[in-house]
Amino acid sequence: MEHLRMCTVCREMKPKEGLTRIVKTNSGEIFIDPTKKADGRGAYICDNCCTDKLKKIKPLNKAFKCVVPDEIYDKLITKEN
């Protein structure tokens, strides 16, 4: 059985293996989770999503209900290019 997750940018359900996971821990730390297993609230982004949309709509702010630092978005954009 495939593990599907929703991309926070395009809102499509995709296999977990093709997504990047970003985590917000209970202490408020936000980071990219390469293991996809870290404790905390997770949000997923397609590995091939439009990077211009990512920085423009800042979907992680809504997913985590806080302002996510631009450096996280920059790391995701750099990772995808």
C-alpha atoms as a PDB file:
ATOM      1  CA  MET A   1       0.000   0.000   0.000  1.00  0.00           C
ATOM      2  CA  GLU A   2       1.327   3.417  -1.001  1.00  0.00           C
ATOM      3  CA  HIS A   3       1.685   6.129   1.613  1.00  0.00           C
ATOM      4  CA  LEU A   4       0.095   9.243   0.113  1.00  0.00           C
ATOM      5  CA  ARG A   5       0.560  12.762   1.429  1.00  0.00           C
ATOM      6  CA  MET A   6      -0.788  16.114   0.241  1.00  0.00           C
ATOM      7  CA  CYS A   7       1.616  18.689  -1.180  1.00  0.00           C
ATOM      8  CA  THR A   8       1.050  22.032   0.554  1.00  0.00           C
ATOM      9  CA  VAL A   9       1.677  23.926  -2.707  1.00  0.00           C
ATOM     10  CA  CYS A  10      -0.332  22.111  -5.402  1.00  0.00           C
ATOM     11  CA  ARG A  11      -2.658  20.300  -2.927  1.00  0.00           C
ATOM     12  CA  GLU A  12      -2.329  17.006  -4.850  1.00  0.00           C
ATOM     13  CA  MET A  13      -2.040  13.634  -3.138  1.00  0.00           C
ATOM     14  CA  LYS A  14       1.289  12.042  -4.048  1.00  0.00           C
ATOM     15  CA  PRO A  15       3.445   9.140  -2.849  1.00  0.00           C
ATOM     16  CA  LYS A  16       5.502  10.029   0.222  1.00  0.00           C
ATOM     17  CA  GLU A  17       8.710   9.011  -1.578  1.00  0.00           C
ATOM     18  CA  GLY A  18       8.424  11.907  -4.091  1.00  0.00           C
ATOM     19  CA  LEU A  19       7.943  14.597  -1.447  1.00  0.00           C
ATOM     20  CA  THR A  20      10.162  16.697   0.806  1.00  0.00           C
ATOM     21  CA  ARG A  21       9.057  16.845   4.454  1.00  0.00           C
ATOM     22  CA  ILE A  22       9.360  19.977   6.553  1.00  0.00           C
ATOM     23  CA  VAL A  23       8.845  19.681  10.320  1.00  0.00           C
ATOM     24  CA  LYS A  24       7.870  22.036  13.116  1.00  0.00           C
ATOM     25  CA  THR A  25       8.821  20.609  16.515  1.00  0.00           C
ATOM     26  CA  ASN A  26       6.961  21.226  19.785  1.00  0.00           C
ATOM     27  CA  SER A  27       9.675  23.753  20.703  1.00  0.00           C
ATOM     28  CA  GLY A  28       8.981  25.718  17.487  1.00  0.00           C
ATOM     29  CA  GLU A  29      12.061  24.708  15.509  1.00  0.00           C
ATOM     30  CA  ILE A  30      11.389  24.373  11.750  1.00  0.00           C
ATOM     31  CA  PHE A  31      13.659  22.333   9.492  1.00  0.00           C
ATOM     32  CA  ILE A  32      13.771  20.113   6.409  1.00  0.00           C
ATOM     33  CA  ASP A  33      13.533  16.470   7.472  1.00  0.00           C
ATOM     34  CA  PRO A  34      15.599  14.216   5.181  1.00  0.00           C
ATOM     35  CA  THR A  35      14.619  11.106   7.194  1.00  0.00           C
ATOM     36  CA  LYS A  36      10.866  11.865   6.913  1.00  0.00           C
ATOM     37  CA  LYS A  37      10.527  10.475  10.457  1.00  0.00           C
ATOM     38  CA  ALA A  38      11.362  13.361  12.827  1.00  0.00           C
ATOM     39  CA  ASP A  39       8.941  14.130  15.649  1.00  0.00           C
ATOM     40  CA  GLY A  40       6.657  17.103  15.144  1.00  0.00           C
ATOM     41  CA  ARG A  41       4.087  18.513  12.763  1.00  0.00           C
ATOM     42  CA  GLY A  42       5.001  17.669   9.176  1.00  0.00           C
ATOM     43  CA  ALA A  43       4.185  19.357   5.896  1.00  0.00           C
ATOM     44  CA  TYR A  44       5.082  18.030   2.473  1.00  0.00           C
ATOM     45  CA  ILE A  45       6.214  19.713  -0.729  1.00  0.00           C
ATOM     46  CA  CYS A  46       6.501  18.019  -4.142  1.00  0.00           C
ATOM     47  CA  ASP A  47      10.087  17.588  -5.241  1.00  0.00           C
ATOM     48  CA  ASN A  48       9.048  19.096  -8.604  1.00  0.00           C
ATOM     49  CA  CYS A  49       6.680  21.900  -7.510  1.00  0.00           C
ATOM     50  CA  CYS A  50       7.015  25.372  -8.995  1.00  0.00           C
ATOM     51  CA  THR A  51       9.504  27.200  -6.818  1.00  0.00           C
ATOM     52  CA  ASP A  52       8.030  30.593  -7.731  1.00  0.00           C
ATOM     53  CA  LYS A  53       4.725  29.542  -6.138  1.00  0.00           C
ATOM     54  CA  LEU A  54       6.497  28.299  -3.033  1.00  0.00           C
ATOM     55  CA  LYS A  55       7.992  31.703  -2.164  1.00  0.00           C
ATOM     56  CA  LYS A  56       4.922  33.631  -3.379  1.00  0.00           C
ATOM     57  CA  ILE A  57       2.149  31.880  -1.432  1.00  0.00           C
ATOM     58  CA  LYS A  58       4.286  30.649   1.503  1.00  0.00           C
ATOM     59  CA  PRO A  59       2.121  27.583   2.218  1.00  0.00           C
ATOM     60  CA  LEU A  60       4.190  26.522   5.239  1.00  0.00           C
ATOM     61  CA  ASN A  61       3.009  29.606   7.156  1.00  0.00           C
ATOM     62  CA  LYS A  62      -0.543  28.277   6.938  1.00  0.00           C
ATOM     63  CA  ALA A  63       0.423  24.651   7.587  1.00  0.00           C
ATOM     64  CA  PHE A  64       2.350  25.504  10.748  1.00  0.00           C
ATOM     65  CA  LYS A  65       0.208  28.495  11.811  1.00  0.00           C
ATOM     66  CA  CYS A  66       3.255  30.712  12.207  1.00  0.00           C
ATOM     67  CA  VAL A  67       5.676  32.756  10.120  1.00  0.00           C
ATOM     68  CA  VAL A  68       8.243  30.404   8.606  1.00  0.00           C
ATOM     69  CA  PRO A  69      11.659  32.047   8.103  1.00  0.00           C
ATOM     70  CA  ASP A  70      12.597  32.885   4.511  1.00  0.00           C
ATOM     71  CA  GLU A  71      15.764  30.788   4.915  1.00  0.00           C
ATOM     72  CA  ILE A  72      13.602  27.618   4.999  1.00  0.00           C
ATOM     73  CA  TYR A  73      11.916  28.629   1.734  1.00  0.00           C
ATOM     74  CA  ASP A  74      15.329  29.506   0.259  1.00  0.00           C
ATOM     75  CA  LYS A  75      16.706  26.070   1.206  1.00  0.00           C
ATOM     76  CA  LEU A  76      13.705  24.377  -0.428  1.00  0.00           C
ATOM     77  CA  ILE A  77      14.081  26.442  -3.605  1.00  0.00           C
ATOM     78  CA  THR A  78      17.821  25.699  -3.752  1.00  0.00           C
ATOM     79  CA  LYS A  79      17.187  21.994  -3.134  1.00  0.00           C
ATOM     80  CA  GLU A  80      14.657  21.782  -5.979  1.00  0.00           C
ATOM     81  CA  ASN A  81      16.834  23.540  -8.582  1.00  0.00           C
END
